[in-house]
Amino acid sequence: MKAIITFHSIDQSGSVLSYPPEKFVTLLESLSRSGIPVLSLDKLLLRDVNKGIAITFDDGMKSVFTEGLPVLQDFNMPAHLYLTTGAVGKSNQWSTQPACAPNFDMLNWDEIEKLQAGGVYIDSHTNNHPDMRMLSLAEIEDECETADELIKKRLGRHPQYFAYPYGYKNDQVCEFARNRYKATVTTAFRVLNSNEDYAKLPRLDAYYLQPEWLIKNLNSTLSRGYLSLRGLIRTVRGKQ
């Protein structure tokens, strides 16, 4: 298996953006025992690597630091955080957020610095989390430039990877991302293939990786069938 997994918050609330802390521990334990390495995106996306998992977090919820980082450090595993810089120290209720979205406290810069020191790569998720399909090219550039430069100023590292807010994209957005970042991730639900477009990489949403039998047997034939079916359902529903 070669895949990128998406998390948002590590908490017990049961929301669509949440993953329970005890299951996060179980998942990393299972990966450690399975022989599937947990890798940085730099390593996972090498063309000659055919097995591995990259762990990614979107937005920048505070629980990534309080709940996620200690577990990652226990297993000595890397991860990536796609940070919405305009929400740092605030909440996730940005202007494009649906009214029904659960509310989360966001990381502050001190916590983000500690995440980076603890092995989490800080990458870009824009400054204001817009629907980038609705923006002009100049507005797209401003969103990414503002976020990237703030991350570089605060952390000393220019973001190498990008996640489309809500997974929304069009040809203009993809072409911009292709020219600016090493790779960009979407919300398409499937494992990685050998011939991926690096401006449109799929991920597995952790919300659907909660059954214990699945967590403990991610690389089994049954699990791969389940993941394929789940991806098909999302495609039919228009959520890819």
C-alpha atoms as a PDB file:
ATOM      1  CA  MET A   1       0.000   0.000   0.000  1.00  0.00           C
ATOM      2  CA  LYS A   2       1.121   3.515  -0.847  1.00  0.00           C
ATOM      3  CA  ALA A   3      -1.184   6.255   0.424  1.00  0.00           C
ATOM      4  CA  ILE A   4      -1.594   9.635   2.082  1.00  0.00           C
ATOM      5  CA  ILE A   5      -3.990   9.845   5.045  1.00  0.00           C
ATOM      6  CA  THR A   6      -5.891  13.029   5.958  1.00  0.00           C
ATOM      7  CA  PHE A   7      -6.645  14.017   9.543  1.00  0.00           C
ATOM      8  CA  HIS A   8      -8.060  17.256  10.896  1.00  0.00           C
ATOM      9  CA  SER A   9      -8.634  17.090  14.659  1.00  0.00           C
ATOM     10  CA  ILE A  10      -7.686  14.299  17.082  1.00  0.00           C
ATOM     11  CA  ASP A  11     -10.551  14.352  19.582  1.00  0.00           C
ATOM     12  CA  GLN A  12     -13.540  12.434  20.958  1.00  0.00           C
ATOM     13  CA  SER A  13     -16.332  14.632  19.604  1.00  0.00           C
ATOM     14  CA  GLY A  14     -17.339  12.276  16.786  1.00  0.00           C
ATOM     15  CA  SER A  15     -17.532  15.077  14.221  1.00  0.00           C
ATOM     16  CA  VAL A  16     -16.712  14.490  10.542  1.00  0.00           C
ATOM     17  CA  LEU A  17     -13.431  16.334  11.140  1.00  0.00           C
ATOM     18  CA  SER A  18     -12.470  14.286  14.193  1.00  0.00           C
ATOM     19  CA  TYR A  19     -10.507  11.101  14.792  1.00  0.00           C
ATOM     20  CA  PRO A  20     -10.524   9.510  18.271  1.00  0.00           C
ATOM     21  CA  PRO A  21      -7.184   9.657  20.134  1.00  0.00           C
ATOM     22  CA  GLU A  22      -7.265   5.969  21.099  1.00  0.00           C
ATOM     23  CA  LYS A  23      -7.825   4.951  17.465  1.00  0.00           C
ATOM     24  CA  PHE A  24      -4.965   7.200  16.380  1.00  0.00           C
ATOM     25  CA  VAL A  25      -2.715   5.223  18.723  1.00  0.00           C
ATOM     26  CA  THR A  26      -4.079   1.911  17.408  1.00  0.00           C
ATOM     27  CA  LEU A  27      -3.595   2.992  13.789  1.00  0.00           C
ATOM     28  CA  LEU A  28       0.038   3.960  14.318  1.00  0.00           C
ATOM     29  CA  GLU A  29       0.654   0.742  16.271  1.00  0.00           C
ATOM     30  CA  SER A  30      -0.807  -1.272  13.405  1.00  0.00           C
ATOM     31  CA  LEU A  31       1.273   0.553  10.819  1.00  0.00           C
ATOM     32  CA  SER A  32       4.388  -0.001  12.900  1.00  0.00           C
ATOM     33  CA  ARG A  33       3.704  -3.741  13.077  1.00  0.00           C
ATOM     34  CA  SER A  34       2.592  -4.122   9.463  1.00  0.00           C
ATOM     35  CA  GLY A  35       5.880  -3.255   7.835  1.00  0.00           C
ATOM     36  CA  ILE A  36       4.268  -0.324   6.008  1.00  0.00           C
ATOM     37  CA  PRO A  37       6.640   2.575   6.737  1.00  0.00           C
ATOM     38  CA  VAL A  38       5.317   5.987   7.705  1.00  0.00           C
ATOM     39  CA  LEU A  39       7.266   8.436   5.549  1.00  0.00           C
ATOM     40  CA  SER A  40       7.570  12.123   4.805  1.00  0.00           C
ATOM     41  CA  LEU A  41       6.102  13.203   1.488  1.00  0.00           C
ATOM     42  CA  ASP A  42       9.626  13.761   0.153  1.00  0.00           C
ATOM     43  CA  LYS A  43      10.306  10.049   0.588  1.00  0.00           C
ATOM     44  CA  LEU A  44       6.847   8.651  -0.153  1.00  0.00           C
ATOM     45  CA  LEU A  45       6.610  10.402  -3.520  1.00  0.00           C
ATOM     46  CA  LEU A  46       9.888   9.075  -4.872  1.00  0.00           C
ATOM     47  CA  ARG A  47       9.080   7.097  -8.015  1.00  0.00           C
ATOM     48  CA  ASP A  48      10.921   3.987  -6.825  1.00  0.00           C
ATOM     49  CA  VAL A  49       9.041   3.824  -3.495  1.00  0.00           C
ATOM     50  CA  ASN A  50       6.087   1.441  -3.803  1.00  0.00           C
ATOM     51  CA  LYS A  51       5.046   1.079  -0.160  1.00  0.00           C
ATOM     52  CA  GLY A  52       4.441   3.619   2.573  1.00  0.00           C
ATOM     53  CA  ILE A  53       2.027   5.970   4.303  1.00  0.00           C
ATOM     54  CA  ALA A  54       2.239   9.734   4.771  1.00  0.00           C
ATOM     55  CA  ILE A  55       0.258  11.285   7.622  1.00  0.00           C
ATOM     56  CA  THR A  56      -1.211  14.733   6.964  1.00  0.00           C
ATOM     57  CA  PHE A  57      -3.312  17.141   9.019  1.00  0.00           C
ATOM     58  CA  ASP A  58      -5.382  19.920   7.446  1.00  0.00           C
ATOM     59  CA  ASP A  59      -6.122  23.416   8.798  1.00  0.00           C
ATOM     60  CA  GLY A  60      -4.224  23.506  12.102  1.00  0.00           C
ATOM     61  CA  MET A  61      -6.487  22.431  14.963  1.00  0.00           C
ATOM     62  CA  LYS A  62      -4.940  22.677  18.427  1.00  0.00           C
ATOM     63  CA  SER A  63      -5.423  18.944  19.025  1.00  0.00           C
ATOM     64  CA  VAL A  64      -2.696  18.200  16.472  1.00  0.00           C
ATOM     65  CA  PHE A  65      -0.302  19.501  19.127  1.00  0.00           C
ATOM     66  CA  THR A  66      -2.017  18.314  22.311  1.00  0.00           C
ATOM     67  CA  GLU A  67      -3.110  14.849  21.127  1.00  0.00           C
ATOM     68  CA  GLY A  68      -1.321  14.089  17.866  1.00  0.00           C
ATOM     69  CA  LEU A  69       2.288  15.113  18.462  1.00  0.00           C
ATOM     70  CA  PRO A  70       2.914  12.969  21.599  1.00  0.00           C
ATOM     71  CA  VAL A  71       1.759   9.847  19.737  1.00  0.00           C
ATOM     72  CA  LEU A  72       3.799  10.652  16.628  1.00  0.00           C
ATOM     73  CA  GLN A  73       6.863  11.125  18.829  1.00  0.00           C
ATOM     74  CA  ASP A  74       6.214   7.861  20.683  1.00  0.00           C
ATOM     75  CA  PHE A  75       6.369   6.020  17.347  1.00  0.00           C
ATOM     76  CA  ASN A  76       9.065   8.277  15.873  1.00  0.00           C
ATOM     77  CA  MET A  77       6.872   8.992  12.836  1.00  0.00           C
ATOM     78  CA  PRO A  78       6.867  12.141  10.667  1.00  0.00           C
ATOM     79  CA  ALA A  79       3.771  14.035   9.560  1.00  0.00           C
ATOM     80  CA  HIS A  80       2.767  17.095   7.568  1.00  0.00           C
ATOM     81  CA  LEU A  81       0.468  19.914   8.651  1.00  0.00           C
ATOM     82  CA  TYR A  82      -1.270  21.947   5.946  1.00  0.00           C
ATOM     83  CA  LEU A  83      -1.665  25.218   7.828  1.00  0.00           C
ATOM     84  CA  THR A  84      -4.311  27.900   7.287  1.00  0.00           C
ATOM     85  CA  THR A  85      -2.177  30.814   8.457  1.00  0.00           C
ATOM     86  CA  GLY A  86      -4.969  33.355   8.853  1.00  0.00           C
ATOM     87  CA  ALA A  87      -6.642  31.158  11.478  1.00  0.00           C
ATOM     88  CA  VAL A  88      -3.585  30.773  13.733  1.00  0.00           C
ATOM     89  CA  GLY A  89      -4.542  31.532  17.330  1.00  0.00           C
ATOM     90  CA  LYS A  90      -8.236  31.792  16.413  1.00  0.00           C
ATOM     91  CA  SER A  91     -10.947  29.277  15.473  1.00  0.00           C
ATOM     92  CA  ASN A  92     -11.813  27.485  12.246  1.00  0.00           C
ATOM     93  CA  GLN A  93     -14.825  29.691  11.546  1.00  0.00           C
ATOM     94  CA  TRP A  94     -13.383  31.444   8.480  1.00  0.00           C
ATOM     95  CA  SER A  95     -15.685  33.191   6.047  1.00  0.00           C
ATOM     96  CA  THR A  96     -16.162  30.226   3.690  1.00  0.00           C
ATOM     97  CA  GLN A  97     -16.880  27.732   6.464  1.00  0.00           C
ATOM     98  CA  PRO A  98     -20.355  26.121   6.288  1.00  0.00           C
ATOM     99  CA  ALA A  99     -22.614  27.109   9.182  1.00  0.00           C
ATOM    100  CA  CYS A 100     -22.924  23.453  10.217  1.00  0.00           C
ATOM    101  CA  ALA A 101     -19.162  22.933  10.572  1.00  0.00           C
ATOM    102  CA  PRO A 102     -17.935  22.000  14.063  1.00  0.00           C
ATOM    103  CA  ASN A 103     -15.971  24.661  15.898  1.00  0.00           C
ATOM    104  CA  PHE A 104     -12.319  24.058  16.853  1.00  0.00           C
ATOM    105  CA  ASP A 105      -9.641  26.103  18.568  1.00  0.00           C
ATOM    106  CA  MET A 106      -6.612  26.533  16.334  1.00  0.00           C
ATOM    107  CA  LEU A 107      -2.904  26.252  17.016  1.00  0.00           C
ATOM    108  CA  ASN A 108      -0.843  29.265  18.028  1.00  0.00           C
ATOM    109  CA  TRP A 109       2.638  29.958  16.645  1.00  0.00           C
ATOM    110  CA  ASP A 110       4.410  28.646  19.749  1.00  0.00           C
ATOM    111  CA  GLU A 111       2.651  25.291  19.317  1.00  0.00           C
ATOM    112  CA  ILE A 112       3.362  25.285  15.584  1.00  0.00           C
ATOM    113  CA  GLU A 113       7.069  25.857  16.262  1.00  0.00           C
ATOM    114  CA  LYS A 114       7.051  22.932  18.678  1.00  0.00           C
ATOM    115  CA  LEU A 115       5.305  20.754  16.101  1.00  0.00           C
ATOM    116  CA  GLN A 116       8.038  21.511  13.593  1.00  0.00           C
ATOM    117  CA  ALA A 117      10.720  20.783  16.186  1.00  0.00           C
ATOM    118  CA  GLY A 118       8.942  17.500  16.921  1.00  0.00           C
ATOM    119  CA  GLY A 119       9.084  16.227  13.339  1.00  0.00           C
ATOM    120  CA  VAL A 120       5.972  17.727  11.730  1.00  0.00           C
ATOM    121  CA  TYR A 121       6.548  19.509   8.417  1.00  0.00           C
ATOM    122  CA  ILE A 122       4.524  22.716   8.133  1.00  0.00           C
ATOM    123  CA  ASP A 123       3.099  23.164   4.656  1.00  0.00           C
ATOM    124  CA  SER A 124       0.528  25.449   3.056  1.00  0.00           C
ATOM    125  CA  HIS A 125      -3.274  25.511   3.058  1.00  0.00           C
ATOM    126  CA  THR A 126      -3.644  29.196   2.041  1.00  0.00           C
ATOM    127  CA  ASN A 127      -4.120  32.161   4.342  1.00  0.00           C
ATOM    128  CA  ASN A 128      -7.930  32.387   4.456  1.00  0.00           C
ATOM    129  CA  HIS A 129      -9.133  28.919   3.322  1.00  0.00           C
ATOM    130  CA  PRO A 130     -11.107  30.184   0.291  1.00  0.00           C
ATOM    131  CA  ASP A 131     -12.795  28.316  -2.520  1.00  0.00           C
ATOM    132  CA  MET A 132      -9.922  28.887  -4.926  1.00  0.00           C
ATOM    133  CA  ARG A 133     -12.135  28.266  -7.960  1.00  0.00           C
ATOM    134  CA  MET A 134     -13.781  31.624  -7.234  1.00  0.00           C
ATOM    135  CA  LEU A 135     -10.505  33.583  -7.230  1.00  0.00           C
ATOM    136  CA  SER A 136      -8.621  35.391  -9.945  1.00  0.00           C
ATOM    137  CA  LEU A 137      -5.047  34.359 -10.620  1.00  0.00           C
ATOM    138  CA  ALA A 138      -3.840  37.425  -8.714  1.00  0.00           C
ATOM    139  CA  GLU A 139      -5.990  36.451  -5.720  1.00  0.00           C
ATOM    140  CA  ILE A 140      -4.716  32.862  -5.836  1.00  0.00           C
ATOM    141  CA  GLU A 141      -1.149  34.149  -5.845  1.00  0.00           C
ATOM    142  CA  ASP A 142      -1.882  36.472  -2.918  1.00  0.00           C
ATOM    143  CA  GLU A 143      -3.461  33.695  -0.836  1.00  0.00           C
ATOM    144  CA  CYS A 144      -0.487  31.376  -1.286  1.00  0.00           C
ATOM    145  CA  GLU A 145       2.227  34.029  -1.138  1.00  0.00           C
ATOM    146  CA  THR A 146       0.837  35.428   2.117  1.00  0.00           C
ATOM    147  CA  ALA A 147       0.671  31.976   3.725  1.00  0.00           C
ATOM    148  CA  ASP A 148       4.026  30.766   2.427  1.00  0.00           C
ATOM    149  CA  GLU A 149       5.941  33.881   3.414  1.00  0.00           C
ATOM    150  CA  LEU A 150       4.441  33.921   6.908  1.00  0.00           C
ATOM    151  CA  ILE A 151       5.408  30.274   7.429  1.00  0.00           C
ATOM    152  CA  LYS A 152       8.918  30.983   6.160  1.00  0.00           C
ATOM    153  CA  LYS A 153       9.245  34.051   8.395  1.00  0.00           C
ATOM    154  CA  ARG A 154       8.037  32.261  11.524  1.00  0.00           C
ATOM    155  CA  LEU A 155       9.612  28.839  10.954  1.00  0.00           C
ATOM    156  CA  GLY A 156      12.541  29.402   8.602  1.00  0.00           C
ATOM    157  CA  ARG A 157      11.261  26.934   6.013  1.00  0.00           C
ATOM    158  CA  HIS A 158       9.369  27.610   2.801  1.00  0.00           C
ATOM    159  CA  PRO A 159       6.392  25.238   2.364  1.00  0.00           C
ATOM    160  CA  GLN A 160       7.018  22.533  -0.224  1.00  0.00           C
ATOM    161  CA  TYR A 161       3.534  20.999  -0.371  1.00  0.00           C
ATOM    162  CA  PHE A 162      -0.010  22.343  -0.646  1.00  0.00           C
ATOM    163  CA  ALA A 163      -3.588  21.212   0.042  1.00  0.00           C
ATOM    164  CA  TYR A 164      -6.535  22.719  -1.826  1.00  0.00           C
ATOM    165  CA  PRO A 165      -9.057  24.127   0.693  1.00  0.00           C
ATOM    166  CA  TYR A 166     -12.090  21.809   0.674  1.00  0.00           C
ATOM    167  CA  GLY A 167     -10.359  19.998  -2.190  1.00  0.00           C
ATOM    168  CA  TYR A 168     -11.845  22.575  -4.588  1.00  0.00           C
ATOM    169  CA  LYS A 169      -9.819  23.155  -7.758  1.00  0.00           C
ATOM    170  CA  ASN A 170     -10.012  23.941 -11.462  1.00  0.00           C
ATOM    171  CA  ASP A 171      -7.458  24.030 -14.262  1.00  0.00           C
ATOM    172  CA  GLN A 172      -6.160  27.469 -13.302  1.00  0.00           C
ATOM    173  CA  VAL A 173      -5.692  26.522  -9.652  1.00  0.00           C
ATOM    174  CA  CYS A 174      -4.010  23.211 -10.507  1.00  0.00           C
ATOM    175  CA  GLU A 175      -1.615  24.836 -12.959  1.00  0.00           C
ATOM    176  CA  PHE A 176      -0.660  27.444 -10.369  1.00  0.00           C
ATOM    177  CA  ALA A 177      -0.056  24.762  -7.729  1.00  0.00           C
ATOM    178  CA  ARG A 178       1.914  22.601 -10.157  1.00  0.00           C
ATOM    179  CA  ASN A 179       4.337  25.464 -10.807  1.00  0.00           C
ATOM    180  CA  ARG A 180       4.712  26.526  -7.170  1.00  0.00           C
ATOM    181  CA  TYR A 181       4.842  23.344  -5.050  1.00  0.00           C
ATOM    182  CA  LYS A 182       6.440  19.916  -5.235  1.00  0.00           C
ATOM    183  CA  ALA A 183       3.004  18.311  -4.951  1.00  0.00           C
ATOM    184  CA  THR A 184      -0.564  19.169  -4.024  1.00  0.00           C
ATOM    185  CA  VAL A 185      -3.198  16.996  -2.363  1.00  0.00           C
ATOM    186  CA  THR A 186      -6.919  16.764  -2.999  1.00  0.00           C
ATOM    187  CA  THR A 187      -9.883  15.052  -1.313  1.00  0.00           C
ATOM    188  CA  ALA A 188     -10.081  12.231  -3.884  1.00  0.00           C
ATOM    189  CA  PHE A 189     -10.422   9.078  -1.779  1.00  0.00           C
ATOM    190  CA  ARG A 190      -8.005   6.384  -2.949  1.00  0.00           C
ATOM    191  CA  VAL A 191      -4.480   5.064  -2.573  1.00  0.00           C
ATOM    192  CA  LEU A 192      -1.620   6.314  -4.745  1.00  0.00           C
ATOM    193  CA  ASN A 193      -0.903   4.858  -8.162  1.00  0.00           C
ATOM    194  CA  SER A 194       2.415   4.791  -9.985  1.00  0.00           C
ATOM    195  CA  ASN A 195       1.447   7.503 -12.510  1.00  0.00           C
ATOM    196  CA  GLU A 196      -0.080  10.237 -10.353  1.00  0.00           C
ATOM    197  CA  ASP A 197      -0.400  13.870 -11.383  1.00  0.00           C
ATOM    198  CA  TYR A 198       1.481  15.571  -8.544  1.00  0.00           C
ATOM    199  CA  ALA A 199      -0.911  18.529  -8.695  1.00  0.00           C
ATOM    200  CA  LYS A 200      -3.882  16.240  -7.925  1.00  0.00           C
ATOM    201  CA  LEU A 201      -2.772  13.636  -5.388  1.00  0.00           C
ATOM    202  CA  PRO A 202      -5.504  11.539  -3.697  1.00  0.00           C
ATOM    203  CA  ARG A 203      -5.756  10.893   0.037  1.00  0.00           C
ATOM    204  CA  LEU A 204      -7.623   8.599   2.415  1.00  0.00           C
ATOM    205  CA  ASP A 205      -9.849  10.582   4.794  1.00  0.00           C
ATOM    206  CA  ALA A 206      -9.192   9.190   8.282  1.00  0.00           C
ATOM    207  CA  TYR A 207     -12.858   9.631   9.218  1.00  0.00           C
ATOM    208  CA  TYR A 208     -13.512   6.447   7.214  1.00  0.00           C
ATOM    209  CA  LEU A 209     -10.593   4.579   8.767  1.00  0.00           C
ATOM    210  CA  GLN A 210     -12.204   3.906  12.129  1.00  0.00           C
ATOM    211  CA  PRO A 211     -13.406   0.252  12.131  1.00  0.00           C
ATOM    212  CA  GLU A 212     -10.967  -1.765  14.229  1.00  0.00           C
ATOM    213  CA  TRP A 213     -10.730  -4.581  11.675  1.00  0.00           C
ATOM    214  CA  LEU A 214      -9.715  -2.012   9.048  1.00  0.00           C
ATOM    215  CA  ILE A 215      -7.186  -0.210  11.233  1.00  0.00           C
ATOM    216  CA  LYS A 216      -5.463  -3.479  12.067  1.00  0.00           C
ATOM    217  CA  ASN A 217      -5.464  -4.842   8.500  1.00  0.00           C
ATOM    218  CA  LEU A 218      -5.008  -1.852   6.212  1.00  0.00           C
ATOM    219  CA  ASN A 219      -3.056  -3.805   3.624  1.00  0.00           C
ATOM    220  CA  SER A 220      -5.429  -6.789   3.396  1.00  0.00           C
ATOM    221  CA  THR A 221      -7.492  -7.643   0.317  1.00  0.00           C
ATOM    222  CA  LEU A 222     -10.690  -6.950   2.265  1.00  0.00           C
ATOM    223  CA  SER A 223      -9.455  -3.535   3.373  1.00  0.00           C
ATOM    224  CA  ARG A 224      -8.373  -2.563  -0.121  1.00  0.00           C
ATOM    225  CA  GLY A 225     -11.813  -3.553  -1.394  1.00  0.00           C
ATOM    226  CA  TYR A 226     -13.493  -1.453   1.297  1.00  0.00           C
ATOM    227  CA  LEU A 227     -11.344   1.565   0.439  1.00  0.00           C
ATOM    228  CA  SER A 228     -12.121   1.203  -3.267  1.00  0.00           C
ATOM    229  CA  LEU A 229     -15.854   0.995  -2.533  1.00  0.00           C
ATOM    230  CA  ARG A 230     -15.728   4.013  -0.255  1.00  0.00           C
ATOM    231  CA  GLY A 231     -13.929   5.994  -2.961  1.00  0.00           C
ATOM    232  CA  LEU A 232     -16.528   4.971  -5.531  1.00  0.00           C
ATOM    233  CA  ILE A 233     -19.354   6.101  -3.248  1.00  0.00           C
ATOM    234  CA  ARG A 234     -17.701   9.491  -2.769  1.00  0.00           C
ATOM    235  CA  THR A 235     -17.268   9.856  -6.515  1.00  0.00           C
ATOM    236  CA  VAL A 236     -20.944   9.062  -7.145  1.00  0.00           C
ATOM    237  CA  ARG A 237     -21.941  11.608  -4.495  1.00  0.00           C
ATOM    238  CA  GLY A 238     -19.716  14.222  -6.129  1.00  0.00           C
ATOM    239  CA  LYS A 239     -17.373  14.643  -3.164  1.00  0.00           C
ATOM    240  CA  GLN A 240     -14.108  13.949  -4.977  1.00  0.00           C
END
